[in-house]
Amino acid sequence: MPVDPEYIEQLVLEEITGTISPEDSITLKRLLEQEPEAYAIWQRLHRQLTGAYIRSVRDNLPEDLPVEQVFATLRRRRRRKIFTGSLGVAASLLALVLVYKIMLPEHEPVLPAPIPSFALKTVALQLPGGQLLHLGSTQQQIVDGITFRETAGTLSWSGANPSQLARVIVPPGKDYTLHLPDGTEVKLNAATTIEMPLAFGRSREVTVKGEAYFQVAKNREKPFLVRLPKSTVQVLGTSFNVNTYDSSQVRVALESGAVKMRTNDGDVLLQPGKAVRYHPGTRPIAAGFDAHAVLSWKSGYYVFENTTVSEIADVIERTYRVKVILDSKATAEKTYSSRLEKGAPLEKFLERLKTLNNINYQFENGNSIVHLLYRP
């Protein structure tokens, strides 16, 4: 399909500033997946609007410019054409918004904008200076005095300080394990991002988008905090799973120990064997969960128990790096009980789905897109 560069730039700028709507976010993701020109624009803007450029704009800002004025200008700009030149007015305005949005002193660490997980083929470590280390080589790497080591799919490091932030990005079809400096182990599922300091100072805090399983090292002096969308999980030492793939809910399942989930709608204390699905705007409530189904991803497969094909499609996309299109509402609502082996060919799973549930499949665009259609 034809790509309008100005429209793509508009979406990317709104994504960076956090003003993009859910609908536009879906549109941008689809364009980045399917249109090389759109991804090239995304790369250019993210590269140009971080680091030294933002600092230079910050240095030249008038101290009395009201933040309300900046955001009012951005709102008026919405859906207008963007004229960037090399960077231009839109980029300058974006820089103003970023500066006023973060409101951070110069000494506080700031990471570059994240790279979408689907844009990577290997697990990557993004460092404060913008360096991107591709992981999986099992080789030791030294960057800015920090020694990174990989052993059997697990990354550990030494020589860092709390002012250094990092981001680990796991693409679809992969998973990865981190051994944090405090002894905590984190297993990251496909299409997951974690942000963290490379060394813990007075606190232990990380931010997760996607799915991760934590085995937290005990330290009563420093509770471990996992930041999730509109909620926080606080622990001392325990094993638990967090899942934020669905933007409308946050799921936390506790295997051992105890955790407190803090939200704007109330707090809930979880005991082993309990889980919570938090929908912003409703009070979180703990309930039992099937540990085999929820945690099976750590063992290399997914368990489906009366799971809708709509949910299964999301798992297929993350596992096989394909776009799944459901060709009818009946297809999306059909349920299925079985399992999906991460290392097995996708066709094998789809054939079983076709045999047991009468759901036909068809690949297109070099097998990067698969259509599913229920035929009674």
Protein backbone atom coordinates (compact mmCIF):
# COMPACT_ATOMS: atom_id res chain seq x y z
CA MET A 1 0.00 0.00 0.00
CA PRO A 2 1.27 3.60 -0.61
CA VAL A 3 2.96 5.20 2.40
CA ASP A 4 2.41 8.89 3.22
CA PRO A 5 5.69 9.95 4.90
CA GLU A 6 4.09 12.94 6.63
CA TYR A 7 1.38 10.74 8.13
CA ILE A 8 3.98 8.22 9.34
CA GLU A 9 6.03 11.03 10.91
CA GLN A 10 2.93 12.28 12.70
CA LEU A 11 2.25 8.85 14.18
CA VAL A 12 5.87 8.31 15.21
CA LEU A 13 6.11 11.71 16.92
CA GLU A 14 2.92 11.00 18.85
CA GLU A 15 4.26 7.56 19.80
CA ILE A 16 7.48 9.06 21.20
CA THR A 17 5.65 11.72 23.23
CA GLY A 18 3.06 9.25 24.53
CA THR A 19 0.13 11.11 22.97
CA ILE A 20 -0.78 8.47 20.40
CA SER A 21 -4.26 6.97 20.64
CA PRO A 22 -4.73 3.18 20.98
CA GLU A 23 -6.19 3.02 17.47
CA ASP A 24 -3.28 4.95 15.94
CA SER A 25 -0.81 2.81 17.89
CA ILE A 26 -2.25 -0.31 16.24
CA THR A 27 -2.07 1.39 12.84
CA LEU A 28 1.57 2.37 13.37
CA LYS A 29 2.53 -1.14 14.48
CA ARG A 30 0.93 -2.63 11.37
CA LEU A 31 2.68 -0.13 9.09
CA LEU A 32 6.07 -0.80 10.71
CA GLU A 33 5.60 -4.53 10.25
CA GLN A 34 4.51 -4.35 6.63
CA GLU A 35 6.12 -1.25 5.11
CA PRO A 36 9.96 -0.91 4.97
CA GLU A 37 9.63 2.83 4.23
CA ALA A 38 7.57 3.33 7.39
CA TYR A 39 10.18 1.53 9.50
CA ALA A 40 12.94 3.64 7.92
CA ILE A 41 11.08 6.79 9.01
CA TRP A 42 10.64 5.34 12.51
CA GLN A 43 14.38 4.64 12.75
CA ARG A 44 15.34 8.10 11.50
CA LEU A 45 13.13 10.01 13.95
CA HIS A 46 14.11 7.88 16.92
CA ARG A 47 17.78 8.27 16.05
CA GLN A 48 17.56 12.04 15.55
CA LEU A 49 15.35 12.88 18.51
CA THR A 50 17.43 11.42 21.32
CA GLY A 51 20.69 12.13 23.06
CA ALA A 52 22.62 15.25 22.16
CA TYR A 53 19.82 16.83 20.14
CA ILE A 54 17.38 16.76 23.05
CA ARG A 55 20.06 18.13 25.41
CA SER A 56 20.83 20.99 23.02
CA VAL A 57 17.17 21.96 22.85
CA ARG A 58 16.88 21.77 26.64
CA ASP A 59 19.84 24.16 27.00
CA ASN A 60 18.15 26.76 24.78
CA LEU A 61 14.67 26.64 26.29
CA PRO A 62 13.35 29.72 28.08
CA GLU A 63 12.90 28.92 31.75
CA ASP A 64 9.48 30.59 31.95
CA LEU A 65 7.82 28.75 29.05
CA PRO A 66 4.65 27.24 30.54
CA VAL A 67 4.33 23.48 30.05
CA GLU A 68 0.62 24.00 29.31
CA GLN A 69 1.58 26.09 26.29
CA VAL A 70 3.75 23.29 24.89
CA PHE A 71 1.03 20.66 25.16
CA ALA A 72 -1.64 23.05 23.81
CA THR A 73 0.52 23.55 20.74
CA LEU A 74 0.91 19.81 20.33
CA ARG A 75 -2.85 19.29 20.54
CA ARG A 76 -3.46 21.94 17.86
CA ARG A 77 -0.90 20.19 15.72
CA ARG A 78 -2.69 16.84 15.81
CA ARG A 79 -3.55 15.51 12.36
CA ARG A 80 -1.98 18.48 10.57
CA LYS A 81 0.73 17.98 8.00
CA ILE A 82 4.31 17.85 9.26
CA PHE A 83 7.14 19.60 7.46
CA THR A 84 10.41 18.28 8.84
CA GLY A 85 13.22 19.22 6.45
CA SER A 86 16.21 17.74 8.24
CA LEU A 87 14.35 17.93 11.55
CA GLY A 88 12.24 21.04 11.30
CA VAL A 89 9.37 22.45 13.30
CA ALA A 90 7.77 19.13 14.22
CA ALA A 91 11.01 17.76 15.64
CA SER A 92 11.68 20.94 17.61
CA LEU A 93 8.19 20.84 19.06
CA LEU A 94 8.67 17.19 19.93
CA ALA A 95 11.88 18.01 21.74
CA LEU A 96 10.06 20.68 23.77
CA VAL A 97 7.38 18.20 24.73
CA LEU A 98 9.94 15.60 25.72
CA VAL A 99 11.88 18.04 27.84
CA TYR A 100 8.82 19.26 29.71
CA LYS A 101 7.36 15.78 29.92
CA ILE A 102 10.34 14.13 31.59
CA MET A 103 11.33 17.19 33.69
CA LEU A 104 14.54 15.45 34.79
CA PRO A 105 17.76 17.08 36.09
CA GLU A 106 20.77 16.64 33.86
CA HIS A 107 22.38 14.05 36.15
CA GLU A 108 19.44 11.63 36.06
CA PRO A 109 19.80 8.74 33.60
CA VAL A 110 17.57 8.65 30.53
CA LEU A 111 17.38 5.80 28.04
CA PRO A 112 16.96 6.31 24.29
CA ALA A 113 13.54 5.51 22.86
CA PRO A 114 12.85 1.75 22.77
CA ILE A 115 13.19 -0.28 19.60
CA PRO A 116 10.03 -2.28 18.80
CA SER A 117 10.67 -5.95 19.59
CA PHE A 118 9.25 -7.06 16.23
CA ALA A 119 11.93 -5.00 14.46
CA LEU A 120 14.69 -7.23 15.87
CA LYS A 121 15.77 -10.75 14.92
CA THR A 122 17.92 -11.35 18.00
CA VAL A 123 17.71 -10.42 21.68
CA ALA A 124 19.28 -6.99 22.17
CA LEU A 125 20.67 -4.94 25.05
CA GLN A 126 20.13 -1.17 24.65
CA LEU A 127 22.52 0.99 26.65
CA PRO A 128 22.21 4.66 27.75
CA GLY A 129 24.61 5.91 25.11
CA GLY A 130 22.51 4.34 22.37
CA GLN A 131 24.75 1.30 21.86
CA LEU A 132 22.85 -1.82 20.87
CA LEU A 133 24.44 -5.15 21.78
CA HIS A 134 23.01 -8.17 19.99
CA LEU A 135 22.95 -11.07 22.42
CA GLY A 136 23.19 -14.78 21.83
CA SER A 137 26.86 -15.09 20.84
CA THR A 138 27.92 -16.38 24.32
CA GLN A 139 30.91 -14.04 24.06
CA GLN A 140 32.04 -11.63 26.75
CA GLN A 141 31.65 -7.98 25.82
CA ILE A 142 33.00 -4.89 27.61
CA VAL A 143 31.27 -1.53 27.08
CA ASP A 144 32.01 1.64 29.08
CA GLY A 145 33.78 -0.41 31.75
CA ILE A 146 30.87 -2.85 32.18
CA THR A 147 31.59 -6.52 31.52
CA PHE A 148 28.68 -8.47 30.01
CA ARG A 149 28.79 -12.28 30.04
CA GLU A 150 26.49 -14.80 28.36
CA THR A 151 26.27 -18.41 29.48
CA ALA A 152 23.65 -20.87 28.22
CA GLY A 153 21.19 -18.13 27.25
CA THR A 154 21.65 -16.15 30.47
CA LEU A 155 23.15 -12.66 30.66
CA SER A 156 25.02 -11.35 33.71
CA TRP A 157 27.30 -8.34 34.16
CA SER A 158 29.59 -6.48 36.56
CA GLY A 159 31.28 -3.11 36.87
CA ALA A 160 28.17 -0.93 36.52
CA ASN A 161 26.75 1.80 38.76
CA PRO A 162 23.13 2.73 39.60
CA SER A 163 23.14 5.75 37.26
CA GLN A 164 23.46 3.49 34.22
CA LEU A 165 20.15 2.30 32.78
CA ALA A 166 19.63 -0.46 30.24
CA ARG A 167 16.84 -2.07 28.30
CA VAL A 168 16.70 -5.70 27.18
CA ILE A 169 14.42 -6.33 24.19
CA VAL A 170 13.31 -9.87 23.34
CA PRO A 171 11.85 -10.23 19.82
CA PRO A 172 9.02 -12.59 18.82
CA GLY A 173 10.06 -16.24 18.68
CA LYS A 174 12.72 -15.87 21.40
CA ASP A 175 13.00 -15.93 25.17
CA TYR A 176 15.91 -14.93 27.39
CA THR A 177 17.14 -15.01 30.98
CA LEU A 178 18.83 -12.26 33.01
CA HIS A 179 20.82 -12.71 36.20
CA LEU A 180 20.65 -9.31 37.94
CA PRO A 181 23.50 -8.05 40.14
CA ASP A 182 21.47 -8.62 43.36
CA GLY A 183 21.00 -12.32 42.55
CA THR A 184 17.48 -11.99 41.12
CA GLU A 185 16.77 -14.10 38.04
CA VAL A 186 14.32 -12.93 35.37
CA LYS A 187 13.11 -15.07 32.48
CA LEU A 188 11.66 -12.96 29.66
CA ASN A 189 9.10 -14.35 27.22
CA ALA A 190 8.87 -13.47 23.52
CA ALA A 191 8.05 -9.85 22.54
CA THR A 192 9.01 -8.55 25.99
CA THR A 193 11.00 -5.52 27.13
CA ILE A 194 12.52 -4.85 30.54
CA GLU A 195 14.09 -1.57 31.69
CA MET A 196 16.39 -1.54 34.71
CA PRO A 197 19.45 0.07 36.30
CA LEU A 198 22.59 -1.95 35.65
CA ALA A 199 23.29 -1.82 39.39
CA PHE A 200 20.86 -1.32 42.26
CA GLY A 201 21.44 1.59 44.63
CA ARG A 202 19.02 2.57 47.39
CA SER A 203 16.17 0.74 45.67
CA ARG A 204 15.50 -2.20 43.35
CA GLU A 205 13.12 -1.26 40.55
CA VAL A 206 12.50 -2.59 37.04
CA THR A 207 9.80 -1.96 34.42
CA VAL A 208 8.31 -4.74 32.31
CA LYS A 209 6.23 -4.71 29.14
CA GLY A 210 5.25 -8.19 27.98
CA GLU A 211 5.68 -11.31 30.12
CA ALA A 212 8.36 -12.23 32.65
CA TYR A 213 8.93 -14.71 35.46
CA PHE A 214 10.85 -13.44 38.50
CA GLN A 215 12.79 -15.30 41.17
CA VAL A 216 13.65 -12.40 43.45
CA ALA A 217 16.64 -12.50 45.78
CA LYS A 218 15.63 -11.69 49.35
CA ASN A 219 16.67 -8.35 50.81
CA ARG A 220 14.42 -7.00 53.58
CA GLU A 221 16.18 -3.64 53.42
CA LYS A 222 15.30 -3.16 49.75
CA PRO A 223 11.92 -4.44 48.53
CA PHE A 224 11.92 -5.34 44.83
CA LEU A 225 9.49 -3.31 42.70
CA VAL A 226 8.20 -4.31 39.28
CA ARG A 227 6.55 -1.39 37.46
CA LEU A 228 3.65 -2.41 35.22
CA PRO A 229 1.05 -0.33 33.35
CA LYS A 230 -0.94 1.57 36.02
CA SER A 231 0.27 -0.79 38.77
CA THR A 232 3.30 -1.92 40.77
CA VAL A 233 4.23 -5.29 42.27
CA GLN A 234 6.23 -5.14 45.52
CA VAL A 235 8.15 -8.17 46.82
CA LEU A 236 10.89 -9.12 49.29
CA GLY A 237 11.86 -12.53 47.94
CA THR A 238 9.53 -14.70 45.89
CA SER A 239 8.71 -16.32 42.52
CA PHE A 240 5.96 -14.85 40.35
CA ASN A 241 4.84 -14.21 36.79
CA VAL A 242 3.72 -10.90 35.25
CA ASN A 243 1.91 -10.55 31.93
CA THR A 244 1.04 -7.24 30.24
CA TYR A 245 0.61 -8.41 26.63
CA ASP A 246 -3.05 -7.33 26.73
CA SER A 247 -3.02 -3.54 27.11
CA SER A 248 -6.42 -3.62 28.83
CA GLN A 249 -5.30 -5.74 31.78
CA VAL A 250 -2.30 -6.68 33.92
CA ARG A 251 -1.94 -10.25 35.14
CA VAL A 252 0.20 -11.30 38.12
CA ALA A 253 0.44 -14.92 39.30
CA LEU A 254 2.31 -15.90 42.48
CA GLU A 255 4.09 -19.25 42.73
CA SER A 256 5.88 -18.81 46.07
CA GLY A 257 6.41 -16.16 48.76
CA ALA A 258 4.13 -13.14 48.89
CA VAL A 259 3.65 -10.02 46.80
CA LYS A 260 1.57 -6.88 47.09
CA MET A 261 0.06 -5.39 43.96
CA ARG A 262 -0.50 -1.65 44.23
CA THR A 263 -2.91 0.08 41.85
CA ASN A 264 -4.90 3.31 41.63
CA ASP A 265 -7.99 1.23 42.37
CA GLY A 266 -6.71 -0.43 45.53
CA ASP A 267 -4.08 -2.91 46.69
CA VAL A 268 -4.21 -6.69 46.88
CA LEU A 269 -1.91 -9.09 48.76
CA LEU A 270 -1.27 -12.36 46.92
CA GLN A 271 -0.50 -15.69 48.57
CA PRO A 272 1.05 -18.69 46.74
CA GLY A 273 -1.32 -20.20 44.20
CA LYS A 274 -3.22 -16.94 43.76
CA ALA A 275 -3.33 -14.57 40.82
CA VAL A 276 -4.96 -11.29 39.89
CA ARG A 277 -6.19 -9.83 36.60
CA TYR A 278 -6.26 -6.09 37.03
CA HIS A 279 -8.40 -3.97 34.70
CA PRO A 280 -7.78 -0.25 35.37
CA GLY A 281 -10.94 1.25 36.79
CA THR A 282 -11.88 -1.85 38.78
CA ARG A 283 -10.62 -3.08 42.15
CA PRO A 284 -8.09 -5.94 41.83
CA ILE A 285 -9.25 -9.25 43.34
CA ALA A 286 -7.13 -12.37 43.97
CA ALA A 287 -8.26 -15.81 42.74
CA GLY A 288 -6.72 -19.23 42.15
CA PHE A 289 -4.93 -20.04 38.88
CA ASP A 290 -3.72 -23.05 36.91
CA ALA A 291 0.05 -22.89 37.35
CA HIS A 292 0.62 -25.47 34.61
CA ALA A 293 -1.20 -23.35 32.04
CA VAL A 294 0.11 -19.95 33.16
CA LEU A 295 3.78 -20.92 33.61
CA SER A 296 4.18 -23.50 30.85
CA TRP A 297 5.84 -20.93 28.57
CA LYS A 298 8.98 -21.21 30.72
CA SER A 299 9.23 -24.89 29.76
CA GLY A 300 8.98 -24.26 26.01
CA TYR A 301 5.27 -24.67 25.29
CA TYR A 302 1.85 -23.08 25.81
CA VAL A 303 -1.19 -24.81 27.30
CA PHE A 304 -4.63 -23.83 26.00
CA GLU A 305 -7.76 -24.69 28.02
CA ASN A 306 -10.93 -23.54 26.26
CA THR A 307 -8.89 -20.61 24.96
CA THR A 308 -10.37 -18.41 22.26
CA VAL A 309 -8.73 -18.45 18.85
CA SER A 310 -8.34 -14.69 19.24
CA GLU A 311 -6.02 -15.23 22.23
CA ILE A 312 -4.24 -18.10 20.48
CA ALA A 313 -3.59 -15.83 17.49
CA ASP A 314 -1.66 -13.44 19.75
CA VAL A 315 0.50 -16.34 20.97
CA ILE A 316 1.15 -17.47 17.39
CA GLU A 317 2.27 -13.95 16.40
CA ARG A 318 4.73 -13.74 19.30
CA THR A 319 6.05 -17.25 18.78
CA TYR A 320 6.44 -17.38 14.99
CA ARG A 321 6.88 -13.72 13.93
CA VAL A 322 3.84 -13.82 11.65
CA LYS A 323 0.75 -11.65 11.33
CA VAL A 324 -2.47 -13.57 12.06
CA ILE A 325 -5.70 -12.36 10.47
CA LEU A 326 -8.98 -13.78 11.74
CA ASP A 327 -11.40 -13.75 8.82
CA SER A 328 -14.62 -13.80 10.87
CA LYS A 329 -16.00 -13.09 14.33
CA ALA A 330 -16.95 -16.76 14.63
CA THR A 331 -13.31 -17.68 14.13
CA ALA A 332 -12.14 -15.30 16.86
CA GLU A 333 -14.68 -16.62 19.38
CA LYS A 334 -14.09 -20.32 18.71
CA THR A 335 -12.34 -22.05 21.67
CA TYR A 336 -9.60 -24.64 21.60
CA SER A 337 -7.91 -26.95 24.14
CA SER A 338 -4.46 -28.29 23.35
CA ARG A 339 -0.83 -27.14 23.50
CA LEU A 340 1.63 -25.37 21.24
CA GLU A 341 5.29 -26.39 21.27
CA LYS A 342 7.54 -23.38 20.73
CA GLY A 343 10.02 -25.29 18.60
CA ALA A 344 7.49 -27.15 16.44
CA PRO A 345 6.58 -26.03 12.90
CA LEU A 346 3.59 -23.70 12.81
CA GLU A 347 1.94 -25.82 10.11
CA LYS A 348 1.82 -28.79 12.50
CA PHE A 349 -0.18 -26.78 15.02
CA LEU A 350 -2.46 -25.30 12.35
CA GLU A 351 -3.21 -28.75 10.93
CA ARG A 352 -4.31 -29.91 14.38
CA LEU A 353 -6.44 -26.78 14.74
CA LYS A 354 -8.02 -27.53 11.36
CA THR A 355 -8.72 -31.18 12.21
CA LEU A 356 -10.18 -30.60 15.67
CA ASN A 357 -11.92 -27.24 15.21
CA ASN A 358 -12.61 -26.93 11.47
CA ILE A 359 -10.47 -23.82 11.25
CA ASN A 360 -8.83 -23.53 7.85
CA TYR A 361 -5.58 -21.63 7.34
CA GLN A 362 -3.87 -19.97 4.41
CA PHE A 363 -0.47 -18.29 4.18
CA GLU A 364 0.32 -15.23 2.08
CA ASN A 365 3.09 -12.68 1.52
CA GLY A 366 5.90 -15.20 1.78
CA ASN A 367 4.35 -16.94 4.80
CA SER A 368 4.57 -13.74 6.87
CA ILE A 369 0.76 -13.56 7.11
CA VAL A 370 -1.62 -16.37 7.98
CA HIS A 371 -5.42 -16.23 7.65
CA LEU A 372 -7.63 -18.32 9.93
CA LEU A 373 -11.27 -19.04 9.05
CA TYR A 374 -13.78 -21.24 10.89
CA ARG A 375 -15.92 -23.38 8.59
CA PRO A 376 -18.77 -25.21 10.44
